[in-house]
Amino acid sequence: MNKVFKALADPTRRRVLELLRQGPMSAGELSDQFAFAKPTMSAHFAVLKEADLVEARKDGKQVIYQLRLSVLEDALLGFSKVFGIGDGVRRSTARPHRQESRS
């Protein structure tokens, strides 16, 4: 889960994932969407691959990236469980109100 959140911490990598929601894209097509040098984009792709958020396959001379949505879903579900989100139980951090007795 740490690798996933490290990957998601960067806005460029989040944008890459948004683009891949539309379908598989080549490294060149993705890189054309950004004003970064190719080595910078390659580093972003490597972080996404290490987090298992994308898969890459060779198609001739091109590398095609595809979103692995199930990995992202699993990480977000795991994160939500840590905080009890979505389990039907509402937890409060507020202290219970104490009533004063009046005699």
PDB file of N, CA and C in Angstrom:
ATOM      1  N   MET A   1       0.831  -1.190   0.000  1.00  0.00           N
ATOM      2  CA  MET A   1       0.000   0.000   0.000  1.00  0.00           C
ATOM      3  C   MET A   1       0.879   1.258   0.000  1.00  0.00           C
ATOM      4  N   ASN A   2       2.043   1.202   0.637  1.00  0.00           N
ATOM      5  CA  ASN A   2       2.921   2.369   0.677  1.00  0.00           C
ATOM      6  C   ASN A   2       3.369   2.790  -0.719  1.00  0.00           C
ATOM      7  N   LYS A   3       3.689   1.815  -1.561  1.00  0.00           N
ATOM      8  CA  LYS A   3       4.121   2.135  -2.922  1.00  0.00           C
ATOM      9  C   LYS A   3       3.001   2.792  -3.716  1.00  0.00           C
ATOM     10  N   VAL A   4       1.774   2.341  -3.481  1.00  0.00           N
ATOM     11  CA  VAL A   4       0.627   2.930  -4.179  1.00  0.00           C
ATOM     12  C   VAL A   4       0.462   4.385  -3.775  1.00  0.00           C
ATOM     13  N   PHE A   5       0.522   4.663  -2.474  1.00  0.00           N
ATOM     14  CA  PHE A   5       0.325   6.038  -2.034  1.00  0.00           C
ATOM     15  C   PHE A   5       1.501   6.932  -2.403  1.00  0.00           C
ATOM     16  N   LYS A   6       2.705   6.381  -2.454  1.00  0.00           N
ATOM     17  CA  LYS A   6       3.847   7.157  -2.946  1.00  0.00           C
ATOM     18  C   LYS A   6       3.602   7.546  -4.408  1.00  0.00           C
ATOM     19  N   ALA A   7       3.120   6.595  -5.184  1.00  0.00           N
ATOM     20  CA  ALA A   7       2.843   6.871  -6.600  1.00  0.00           C
ATOM     21  C   ALA A   7       1.742   7.919  -6.753  1.00  0.00           C
ATOM     22  N   LEU A   8       0.725   7.837  -5.917  1.00  0.00           N
ATOM     23  CA  LEU A   8      -0.409   8.760  -6.015  1.00  0.00           C
ATOM     24  C   LEU A   8      -0.093  10.145  -5.457  1.00  0.00           C
ATOM     25  N   ALA A   9       1.001  10.275  -4.738  1.00  0.00           N
ATOM     26  CA  ALA A   9       1.347  11.563  -4.118  1.00  0.00           C
ATOM     27  C   ALA A   9       1.735  12.618  -5.150  1.00  0.00           C
ATOM     28  N   ASP A  10       2.115  12.203  -6.324  1.00  0.00           N
ATOM     29  CA  ASP A  10       2.577  13.140  -7.342  1.00  0.00           C
ATOM     30  C   ASP A  10       1.465  13.475  -8.333  1.00  0.00           C
ATOM     31  N   PRO A  11       1.211  14.771  -8.573  1.00  0.00           N
ATOM     32  CA  PRO A  11       0.123  15.142  -9.501  1.00  0.00           C
ATOM     33  C   PRO A  11       0.349  14.675 -10.937  1.00  0.00           C
ATOM     34  N   THR A  12       1.597  14.585 -11.365  1.00  0.00           N
ATOM     35  CA  THR A  12       1.868  14.099 -12.726  1.00  0.00           C
ATOM     36  C   THR A  12       1.445  12.642 -12.857  1.00  0.00           C
ATOM     37  N   ARG A  13       1.784  11.845 -11.856  1.00  0.00           N
ATOM     38  CA  ARG A  13       1.408  10.427 -11.924  1.00  0.00           C
ATOM     39  C   ARG A  13      -0.098  10.245 -11.812  1.00  0.00           C
ATOM     40  N   ARG A  14      -0.755  11.078 -11.009  1.00  0.00           N
ATOM     41  CA  ARG A  14      -2.223  11.003 -10.951  1.00  0.00           C
ATOM     42  C   ARG A  14      -2.825  11.349 -12.305  1.00  0.00           C
ATOM     43  N   ARG A  15      -2.242  12.317 -12.995  1.00  0.00           N
ATOM     44  CA  ARG A  15      -2.748  12.696 -14.327  1.00  0.00           C
ATOM     45  C   ARG A  15      -2.536  11.556 -15.333  1.00  0.00           C
ATOM     46  N   VAL A  16      -1.394  10.884 -15.230  1.00  0.00           N
ATOM     47  CA  VAL A  16      -1.150   9.721 -16.102  1.00  0.00           C
ATOM     48  C   VAL A  16      -2.240   8.679 -15.886  1.00  0.00           C
ATOM     49  N   LEU A  17      -2.569   8.418 -14.626  1.00  0.00           N
ATOM     50  CA  LEU A  17      -3.625   7.438 -14.333  1.00  0.00           C
ATOM     51  C   LEU A  17      -4.969   7.891 -14.886  1.00  0.00           C
ATOM     52  N   GLU A  18      -5.257   9.191 -14.792  1.00  0.00           N
ATOM     53  CA  GLU A  18      -6.507   9.715 -15.372  1.00  0.00           C
ATOM     54  C   GLU A  18      -6.543   9.471 -16.869  1.00  0.00           C
ATOM     55  N   LEU A  19      -5.436   9.735 -17.545  1.00  0.00           N
ATOM     56  CA  LEU A  19      -5.378   9.524 -18.997  1.00  0.00           C
ATOM     57  C   LEU A  19      -5.579   8.051 -19.344  1.00  0.00           C
ATOM     58  N   LEU A  20      -4.993   7.171 -18.525  1.00  0.00           N
ATOM     59  CA  LEU A  20      -5.108   5.734 -18.803  1.00  0.00           C
ATOM     60  C   LEU A  20      -6.492   5.188 -18.506  1.00  0.00           C
ATOM     61  N   ARG A  21      -7.306   5.944 -17.798  1.00  0.00           N
ATOM     62  CA  ARG A  21      -8.701   5.510 -17.590  1.00  0.00           C
ATOM     63  C   ARG A  21      -9.445   5.449 -18.918  1.00  0.00           C
ATOM     64  N   GLN A  22      -9.000   6.222 -19.893  1.00  0.00           N
ATOM     65  CA  GLN A  22      -9.633   6.231 -21.212  1.00  0.00           C
ATOM     66  C   GLN A  22      -9.249   5.010 -22.034  1.00  0.00           C
ATOM     67  N   GLY A  23      -8.169   4.347 -21.615  1.00  0.00           N
ATOM     68  CA  GLY A  23      -7.713   3.166 -22.335  1.00  0.00           C
ATOM     69  C   GLY A  23      -6.203   3.151 -22.442  1.00  0.00           C
ATOM     70  N   PRO A  24      -5.637   2.041 -22.933  1.00  0.00           N
ATOM     71  CA  PRO A  24      -4.183   1.929 -23.055  1.00  0.00           C
ATOM     72  C   PRO A  24      -3.610   3.029 -23.951  1.00  0.00           C
ATOM     73  N   MET A  25      -2.411   3.485 -23.592  1.00  0.00           N
ATOM     74  CA  MET A  25      -1.721   4.516 -24.372  1.00  0.00           C
ATOM     75  C   MET A  25      -0.236   4.196 -24.419  1.00  0.00           C
ATOM     76  N   SER A  26       0.412   4.641 -25.470  1.00  0.00           N
ATOM     77  CA  SER A  26       1.857   4.438 -25.573  1.00  0.00           C
ATOM     78  C   SER A  26       2.576   5.456 -24.692  1.00  0.00           C
ATOM     79  N   ALA A  27       3.819   5.140 -24.380  1.00  0.00           N
ATOM     80  CA  ALA A  27       4.636   6.059 -23.582  1.00  0.00           C
ATOM     81  C   ALA A  27       4.744   7.406 -24.281  1.00  0.00           C
ATOM     82  N   GLY A  28       4.869   7.380 -25.587  1.00  0.00           N
ATOM     83  CA  GLY A  28       4.963   8.620 -26.362  1.00  0.00           C
ATOM     84  C   GLY A  28       3.690   9.447 -26.286  1.00  0.00           C
ATOM     85  N   GLU A  29       2.549   8.787 -26.418  1.00  0.00           N
ATOM     86  CA  GLU A  29       1.265   9.499 -26.321  1.00  0.00           C
ATOM     87  C   GLU A  29       1.093  10.132 -24.949  1.00  0.00           C
ATOM     88  N   LEU A  30       1.470   9.398 -23.924  1.00  0.00           N
ATOM     89  CA  LEU A  30       1.369   9.934 -22.567  1.00  0.00           C
ATOM     90  C   LEU A  30       2.337  11.103 -22.375  1.00  0.00           C
ATOM     91  N   SER A  31       3.567  10.919 -22.824  1.00  0.00           N
ATOM     92  CA  SER A  31       4.578  11.963 -22.666  1.00  0.00           C
ATOM     93  C   SER A  31       4.196  13.245 -23.383  1.00  0.00           C
ATOM     94  N   ASP A  32       3.494  13.117 -24.507  1.00  0.00           N
ATOM     95  CA  ASP A  32       3.068  14.300 -25.266  1.00  0.00           C
ATOM     96  C   ASP A  32       2.111  15.191 -24.475  1.00  0.00           C
ATOM     97  N   GLN A  33       1.508  14.650 -23.440  1.00  0.00           N
ATOM     98  CA  GLN A  33       0.549  15.403 -22.624  1.00  0.00           C
ATOM     99  C   GLN A  33       1.238  16.270 -21.568  1.00  0.00           C
ATOM    100  N   PHE A  34       2.559  16.150 -21.456  1.00  0.00           N
ATOM    101  CA  PHE A  34       3.304  16.841 -20.416  1.00  0.00           C
ATOM    102  C   PHE A  34       4.482  17.598 -21.012  1.00  0.00           C
ATOM    103  N   ALA A  35       4.936  18.608 -20.302  1.00  0.00           N
ATOM    104  CA  ALA A  35       6.065  19.420 -20.752  1.00  0.00           C
ATOM    105  C   ALA A  35       7.363  18.960 -20.088  1.00  0.00           C
ATOM    106  N   PHE A  36       7.490  17.659 -19.856  1.00  0.00           N
ATOM    107  CA  PHE A  36       8.680  17.107 -19.225  1.00  0.00           C
ATOM    108  C   PHE A  36       9.520  16.382 -20.261  1.00  0.00           C
ATOM    109  N   ALA A  37      10.814  16.251 -19.961  1.00  0.00           N
ATOM    110  CA  ALA A  37      11.699  15.461 -20.813  1.00  0.00           C
ATOM    111  C   ALA A  37      11.328  13.981 -20.698  1.00  0.00           C
ATOM    112  N   LYS A  38      11.642  13.224 -21.714  1.00  0.00           N
ATOM    113  CA  LYS A  38      11.318  11.789 -21.732  1.00  0.00           C
ATOM    114  C   LYS A  38      11.892  11.038 -20.522  1.00  0.00           C
ATOM    115  N   PRO A  39      13.142  11.325 -20.093  1.00  0.00           N
ATOM    116  CA  PRO A  39      13.649  10.616 -18.910  1.00  0.00           C
ATOM    117  C   PRO A  39      12.824  10.891 -17.643  1.00  0.00           C
ATOM    118  N   THR A  40      12.294  12.097 -17.520  1.00  0.00           N
ATOM    119  CA  THR A  40      11.450  12.422 -16.369  1.00  0.00           C
ATOM    120  C   THR A  40      10.173  11.595 -16.413  1.00  0.00           C
ATOM    121  N   MET A  41       9.578  11.502 -17.591  1.00  0.00           N
ATOM    122  CA  MET A  41       8.355  10.706 -17.732  1.00  0.00           C
ATOM    123  C   MET A  41       8.656   9.226 -17.499  1.00  0.00           C
ATOM    124  N   SER A  42       9.791   8.758 -17.958  1.00  0.00           N
ATOM    125  CA  SER A  42      10.171   7.361 -17.722  1.00  0.00           C
ATOM    126  C   SER A  42      10.271   7.070 -16.230  1.00  0.00           C
ATOM    127  N   ALA A  43      10.786   8.023 -15.473  1.00  0.00           N
ATOM    128  CA  ALA A  43      10.875   7.852 -14.021  1.00  0.00           C
ATOM    129  C   ALA A  43       9.478   7.765 -13.407  1.00  0.00           C
ATOM    130  N   HIS A  44       8.546   8.596 -13.891  1.00  0.00           N
ATOM    131  CA  HIS A  44       7.165   8.530 -13.403  1.00  0.00           C
ATOM    132  C   HIS A  44       6.536   7.174 -13.749  1.00  0.00           C
ATOM    133  N   PHE A  45       6.763   6.707 -14.964  1.00  0.00           N
ATOM    134  CA  PHE A  45       6.227   5.406 -15.375  1.00  0.00           C
ATOM    135  C   PHE A  45       6.796   4.291 -14.493  1.00  0.00           C
ATOM    136  N   ALA A  46       8.072   4.385 -14.149  1.00  0.00           N
ATOM    137  CA  ALA A  46       8.710   3.362 -13.324  1.00  0.00           C
ATOM    138  C   ALA A  46       8.073   3.306 -11.934  1.00  0.00           C
ATOM    139  N   VAL A  47       7.766   4.462 -11.361  1.00  0.00           N
ATOM    140  CA  VAL A  47       7.117   4.489 -10.042  1.00  0.00           C
ATOM    141  C   VAL A  47       5.732   3.859 -10.124  1.00  0.00           C
ATOM    142  N   LEU A  48       4.987   4.174 -11.186  1.00  0.00           N
ATOM    143  CA  LEU A  48       3.653   3.599 -11.366  1.00  0.00           C
ATOM    144  C   LEU A  48       3.718   2.081 -11.561  1.00  0.00           C
ATOM    145  N   LYS A  49       4.720   1.623 -12.314  1.00  0.00           N
ATOM    146  CA  LYS A  49       4.880   0.180 -12.514  1.00  0.00           C
ATOM    147  C   LYS A  49       5.274  -0.508 -11.211  1.00  0.00           C
ATOM    148  N   GLU A  50       6.173   0.111 -10.447  1.00  0.00           N
ATOM    149  CA  GLU A  50       6.603  -0.493  -9.180  1.00  0.00           C
ATOM    150  C   GLU A  50       5.440  -0.611  -8.205  1.00  0.00           C
ATOM    151  N   ALA A  51       4.527   0.348  -8.253  1.00  0.00           N
ATOM    152  CA  ALA A  51       3.333   0.295  -7.395  1.00  0.00           C
ATOM    153  C   ALA A  51       2.288  -0.651  -7.969  1.00  0.00           C
ATOM    154  N   ASP A  52       2.557  -1.188  -9.152  1.00  0.00           N
ATOM    155  CA  ASP A  52       1.662  -2.124  -9.831  1.00  0.00           C
ATOM    156  C   ASP A  52       0.353  -1.453 -10.262  1.00  0.00           C
ATOM    157  N   LEU A  53       0.386  -0.127 -10.423  1.00  0.00           N
ATOM    158  CA  LEU A  53      -0.806   0.609 -10.860  1.00  0.00           C
ATOM    159  C   LEU A  53      -0.982   0.574 -12.371  1.00  0.00           C
ATOM    160  N   VAL A  54       0.102   0.313 -13.083  1.00  0.00           N
ATOM    161  CA  VAL A  54       0.034   0.180 -14.534  1.00  0.00           C
ATOM    162  C   VAL A  54       0.813  -1.062 -14.943  1.00  0.00           C
ATOM    163  N   GLU A  55       0.445  -1.592 -16.084  1.00  0.00           N
ATOM    164  CA  GLU A  55       1.240  -2.661 -16.677  1.00  0.00           C
ATOM    165  C   GLU A  55       1.736  -2.151 -18.014  1.00  0.00           C
ATOM    166  N   ALA A  56       2.905  -2.614 -18.389  1.00  0.00           N
ATOM    167  CA  ALA A  56       3.523  -2.177 -19.638  1.00  0.00           C
ATOM    168  C   ALA A  56       3.773  -3.396 -20.510  1.00  0.00           C
ATOM    169  N   ARG A  57       3.530  -3.211 -21.793  1.00  0.00           N
ATOM    170  CA  ARG A  57       3.829  -4.286 -22.747  1.00  0.00           C
ATOM    171  C   ARG A  57       4.447  -3.666 -23.987  1.00  0.00           C
ATOM    172  N   LYS A  58       5.343  -4.397 -24.593  1.00  0.00           N
ATOM    173  CA  LYS A  58       6.001  -3.925 -25.811  1.00  0.00           C
ATOM    174  C   LYS A  58       5.116  -4.226 -27.005  1.00  0.00           C
ATOM    175  N   ASP A  59       5.023  -3.265 -27.890  1.00  0.00           N
ATOM    176  CA  ASP A  59       4.321  -3.428 -29.160  1.00  0.00           C
ATOM    177  C   ASP A  59       5.252  -2.863 -30.227  1.00  0.00           C
ATOM    178  N   GLY A  60       6.103  -3.728 -30.747  1.00  0.00           N
ATOM    179  CA  GLY A  60       7.137  -3.255 -31.661  1.00  0.00           C
ATOM    180  C   GLY A  60       8.142  -2.410 -30.882  1.00  0.00           C
ATOM    181  N   LYS A  61       8.325  -1.167 -31.315  1.00  0.00           N
ATOM    182  CA  LYS A  61       9.246  -0.267 -30.623  1.00  0.00           C
ATOM    183  C   LYS A  61       8.559   0.534 -29.522  1.00  0.00           C
ATOM    184  N   GLN A  62       7.249   0.429 -29.452  1.00  0.00           N
ATOM    185  CA  GLN A  62       6.497   1.209 -28.464  1.00  0.00           C
ATOM    186  C   GLN A  62       6.262   0.412 -27.183  1.00  0.00           C
ATOM    187  N   VAL A  63       6.143   1.161 -26.093  1.00  0.00           N
ATOM    188  CA  VAL A  63       5.712   0.576 -24.825  1.00  0.00           C
ATOM    189  C   VAL A  63       4.296   1.088 -24.590  1.00  0.00           C
ATOM    190  N   ILE A  64       3.380   0.161 -24.395  1.00  0.00           N
ATOM    191  CA  ILE A  64       1.971   0.496 -24.165  1.00  0.00           C
ATOM    192  C   ILE A  64       1.675   0.320 -22.683  1.00  0.00           C
ATOM    193  N   TYR A  65       1.094   1.356 -22.096  1.00  0.00           N
ATOM    194  CA  TYR A  65       0.729   1.307 -20.681  1.00  0.00           C
ATOM    195  C   TYR A  65      -0.771   1.134 -20.538  1.00  0.00           C
ATOM    196  N   GLN A  66      -1.138   0.363 -19.541  1.00  0.00           N
ATOM    197  CA  GLN A  66      -2.548   0.115 -19.258  1.00  0.00           C
ATOM    198  C   GLN A  66      -2.763   0.207 -17.749  1.00  0.00           C
ATOM    199  N   LEU A  67      -3.861   0.813 -17.355  1.00  0.00           N
ATOM    200  CA  LEU A  67      -4.212   0.985 -15.954  1.00  0.00           C
ATOM    201  C   LEU A  67      -4.589  -0.345 -15.330  1.00  0.00           C
ATOM    202  N   ARG A  68      -4.114  -0.580 -14.118  1.00  0.00           N
ATOM    203  CA  ARG A  68      -4.513  -1.770 -13.343  1.00  0.00           C
ATOM    204  C   ARG A  68      -5.402  -1.270 -12.214  1.00  0.00           C
ATOM    205  N   LEU A  69      -6.630  -1.021 -12.540  1.00  0.00           N
ATOM    206  CA  LEU A  69      -7.577  -0.417 -11.611  1.00  0.00           C
ATOM    207  C   LEU A  69      -7.792  -1.259 -10.370  1.00  0.00           C
ATOM    208  N   SER A  70      -7.719  -2.571 -10.485  1.00  0.00           N
ATOM    209  CA  SER A  70      -7.958  -3.438  -9.326  1.00  0.00           C
ATOM    210  C   SER A  70      -6.946  -3.175  -8.213  1.00  0.00           C
ATOM    211  N   VAL A  71      -5.707  -2.859  -8.560  1.00  0.00           N
ATOM    212  CA  VAL A  71      -4.688  -2.581  -7.546  1.00  0.00           C
ATOM    213  C   VAL A  71      -5.030  -1.292  -6.814  1.00  0.00           C
ATOM    214  N   LEU A  72      -5.454  -0.286  -7.555  1.00  0.00           N
ATOM    215  CA  LEU A  72      -5.853   0.985  -6.943  1.00  0.00           C
ATOM    216  C   LEU A  72      -7.069   0.787  -6.039  1.00  0.00           C
ATOM    217  N   GLU A  73      -8.034   0.031  -6.507  1.00  0.00           N
ATOM    218  CA  GLU A  73      -9.226  -0.249  -5.703  1.00  0.00           C
ATOM    219  C   GLU A  73      -8.864  -0.972  -4.413  1.00  0.00           C
ATOM    220  N   ASP A  74      -7.989  -1.961  -4.505  1.00  0.00           N
ATOM    221  CA  ASP A  74      -7.572  -2.707  -3.315  1.00  0.00           C
ATOM    222  C   ASP A  74      -6.878  -1.793  -2.305  1.00  0.00           C
ATOM    223  N   ALA A  75      -6.017  -0.906  -2.793  1.00  0.00           N
ATOM    224  CA  ALA A  75      -5.306   0.006  -1.893  1.00  0.00           C
ATOM    225  C   ALA A  75      -6.276   0.956  -1.218  1.00  0.00           C
ATOM    226  N   LEU A  76      -7.221   1.484  -1.975  1.00  0.00           N
ATOM    227  CA  LEU A  76      -8.183   2.419  -1.394  1.00  0.00           C
ATOM    228  C   LEU A  76      -9.116   1.721  -0.412  1.00  0.00           C
ATOM    229  N   LEU A  77      -9.496   0.491  -0.713  1.00  0.00           N
ATOM    230  CA  LEU A  77     -10.325  -0.264   0.228  1.00  0.00           C
ATOM    231  C   LEU A  77      -9.561  -0.551   1.521  1.00  0.00           C
ATOM    232  N   GLY A  78      -8.311  -0.929   1.381  1.00  0.00           N
ATOM    233  CA  GLY A  78      -7.490  -1.175   2.564  1.00  0.00           C
ATOM    234  C   GLY A  78      -7.326   0.081   3.401  1.00  0.00           C
ATOM    235  N   PHE A  79      -7.118   1.198   2.739  1.00  0.00           N
ATOM    236  CA  PHE A  79      -6.979   2.481   3.426  1.00  0.00           C
ATOM    237  C   PHE A  79      -8.270   2.857   4.137  1.00  0.00           C
ATOM    238  N   SER A  80      -9.396   2.646   3.480  1.00  0.00           N
ATOM    239  CA  SER A  80     -10.678   3.002   4.088  1.00  0.00           C
ATOM    240  C   SER A  80     -10.971   2.139   5.310  1.00  0.00           C
ATOM    241  N   LYS A  81     -10.529   0.893   5.293  1.00  0.00           N
ATOM    242  CA  LYS A  81     -10.749   0.011   6.445  1.00  0.00           C
ATOM    243  C   LYS A  81      -9.961   0.473   7.663  1.00  0.00           C
ATOM    244  N   VAL A  82      -8.772   1.020   7.422  1.00  0.00           N
ATOM    245  CA  VAL A  82      -7.963   1.524   8.529  1.00  0.00           C
ATOM    246  C   VAL A  82      -8.734   2.580   9.314  1.00  0.00           C
ATOM    247  N   PHE A  83      -9.508   3.391   8.601  1.00  0.00           N
ATOM    248  CA  PHE A  83     -10.251   4.471   9.232  1.00  0.00           C
ATOM    249  C   PHE A  83     -11.725   4.147   9.445  1.00  0.00           C
ATOM    250  N   GLY A  84     -12.114   2.917   9.153  1.00  0.00           N
ATOM    251  CA  GLY A  84     -13.492   2.503   9.380  1.00  0.00           C
ATOM    252  C   GLY A  84     -14.478   3.153   8.431  1.00  0.00           C
ATOM    253  N   ILE A  85     -14.012   3.538   7.266  1.00  0.00           N
ATOM    254  CA  ILE A  85     -14.885   4.171   6.274  1.00  0.00           C
ATOM    255  C   ILE A  85     -15.568   3.081   5.458  1.00  0.00           C
ATOM    256  N   GLY A  86     -16.885   3.182   5.354  1.00  0.00           N
ATOM    257  CA  GLY A  86     -17.609   2.257   4.502  1.00  0.00           C
ATOM    258  C   GLY A  86     -17.973   0.945   5.152  1.00  0.00           C
ATOM    259  N   ASP A  87     -17.720   0.797   6.448  1.00  0.00           N
ATOM    260  CA  ASP A  87     -18.076  -0.468   7.092  1.00  0.00           C
ATOM    261  C   ASP A  87     -19.399  -0.382   7.843  1.00  0.00           C
ATOM    262  N   GLY A  88     -20.074   0.744   7.697  1.00  0.00           N
ATOM    263  CA  GLY A  88     -21.380   0.884   8.313  1.00  0.00           C
ATOM    264  C   GLY A  88     -21.340   1.326   9.758  1.00  0.00           C
ATOM    265  N   VAL A  89     -20.158   1.478  10.295  1.00  0.00           N
ATOM    266  CA  VAL A  89     -20.031   1.908  11.689  1.00  0.00           C
ATOM    267  C   VAL A  89     -19.441   3.308  11.694  1.00  0.00           C
ATOM    268  N   ARG A  90     -20.154   4.212  12.312  1.00  0.00           N
ATOM    269  CA  ARG A  90     -19.645   5.568  12.396  1.00  0.00           C
ATOM    270  C   ARG A  90     -18.898   5.722  13.713  1.00  0.00           C
ATOM    271  N   ARG A  91     -17.666   6.156  13.589  1.00  0.00           N
ATOM    272  CA  ARG A  91     -16.845   6.356  14.778  1.00  0.00           C
ATOM    273  C   ARG A  91     -16.662   7.841  14.995  1.00  0.00           C
ATOM    274  N   SER A  92     -16.690   8.233  16.251  1.00  0.00           N
ATOM    275  CA  SER A  92     -16.521   9.637  16.588  1.00  0.00           C
ATOM    276  C   SER A  92     -15.297   9.796  17.467  1.00  0.00           C
ATOM    277  N   THR A  93     -14.559  10.871  17.219  1.00  0.00           N
ATOM    278  CA  THR A  93     -13.406  11.155  18.058  1.00  0.00           C
ATOM    279  C   THR A  93     -13.774  12.103  19.184  1.00  0.00           C
ATOM    280  N   ALA A  94     -15.005  12.590  19.151  1.00  0.00           N
ATOM    281  CA  ALA A  94     -15.453  13.505  20.198  1.00  0.00           C
ATOM    282  C   ALA A  94     -15.699  12.735  21.494  1.00  0.00           C
ATOM    283  N   ARG A  95     -15.450  13.399  22.588  1.00  0.00           N
ATOM    284  CA  ARG A  95     -15.717  12.774  23.891  1.00  0.00           C
ATOM    285  C   ARG A  95     -17.212  12.789  24.155  1.00  0.00           C
ATOM    286  N   PRO A  96     -17.717  11.760  24.823  1.00  0.00           N
ATOM    287  CA  PRO A  96     -19.150  11.750  25.150  1.00  0.00           C
ATOM    288  C   PRO A  96     -19.477  12.913  26.085  1.00  0.00           C
ATOM    289  N   HIS A  97     -20.645  13.472  25.860  1.00  0.00           N
ATOM    290  CA  HIS A  97     -21.110  14.594  26.684  1.00  0.00           C
ATOM    291  C   HIS A  97     -21.484  14.072  28.059  1.00  0.00           C
ATOM    292  N   ARG A  98     -20.960  14.705  29.082  1.00  0.00           N
ATOM    293  CA  ARG A  98     -21.249  14.291  30.441  1.00  0.00           C
ATOM    294  C   ARG A  98     -22.316  15.185  31.030  1.00  0.00           C
ATOM    295  N   GLN A  99     -23.391  14.596  31.511  1.00  0.00           N
ATOM    296  CA  GLN A  99     -24.447  15.389  32.122  1.00  0.00           C
ATOM    297  C   GLN A  99     -24.142  15.613  33.586  1.00  0.00           C
ATOM    298  N   GLU A 100     -24.387  16.828  34.027  1.00  0.00           N
ATOM    299  CA  GLU A 100     -24.210  17.127  35.453  1.00  0.00           C
ATOM    300  C   GLU A 100     -25.481  16.805  36.174  1.00  0.00           C
ATOM    301  N   SER A 101     -25.353  16.235  37.332  1.00  0.00           N
ATOM    302  CA  SER A 101     -26.565  15.934  38.108  1.00  0.00           C
ATOM    303  C   SER A 101     -26.942  17.181  38.917  1.00  0.00           C
ATOM    304  N   ARG A 102     -28.216  17.469  38.911  1.00  0.00           N
ATOM    305  CA  ARG A 102     -28.730  18.618  39.664  1.00  0.00           C
ATOM    306  C   ARG A 102     -29.579  18.105  40.798  1.00  0.00           C
ATOM    307  N   SER A 103     -29.211  18.435  41.980  1.00  0.00           N
ATOM    308  CA  SER A 103     -29.947  17.946  43.147  1.00  0.00           C
ATOM    309  C   SER A 103     -30.744  19.023  43.801  1.00  0.00           C
TER     310      SER A 103
END
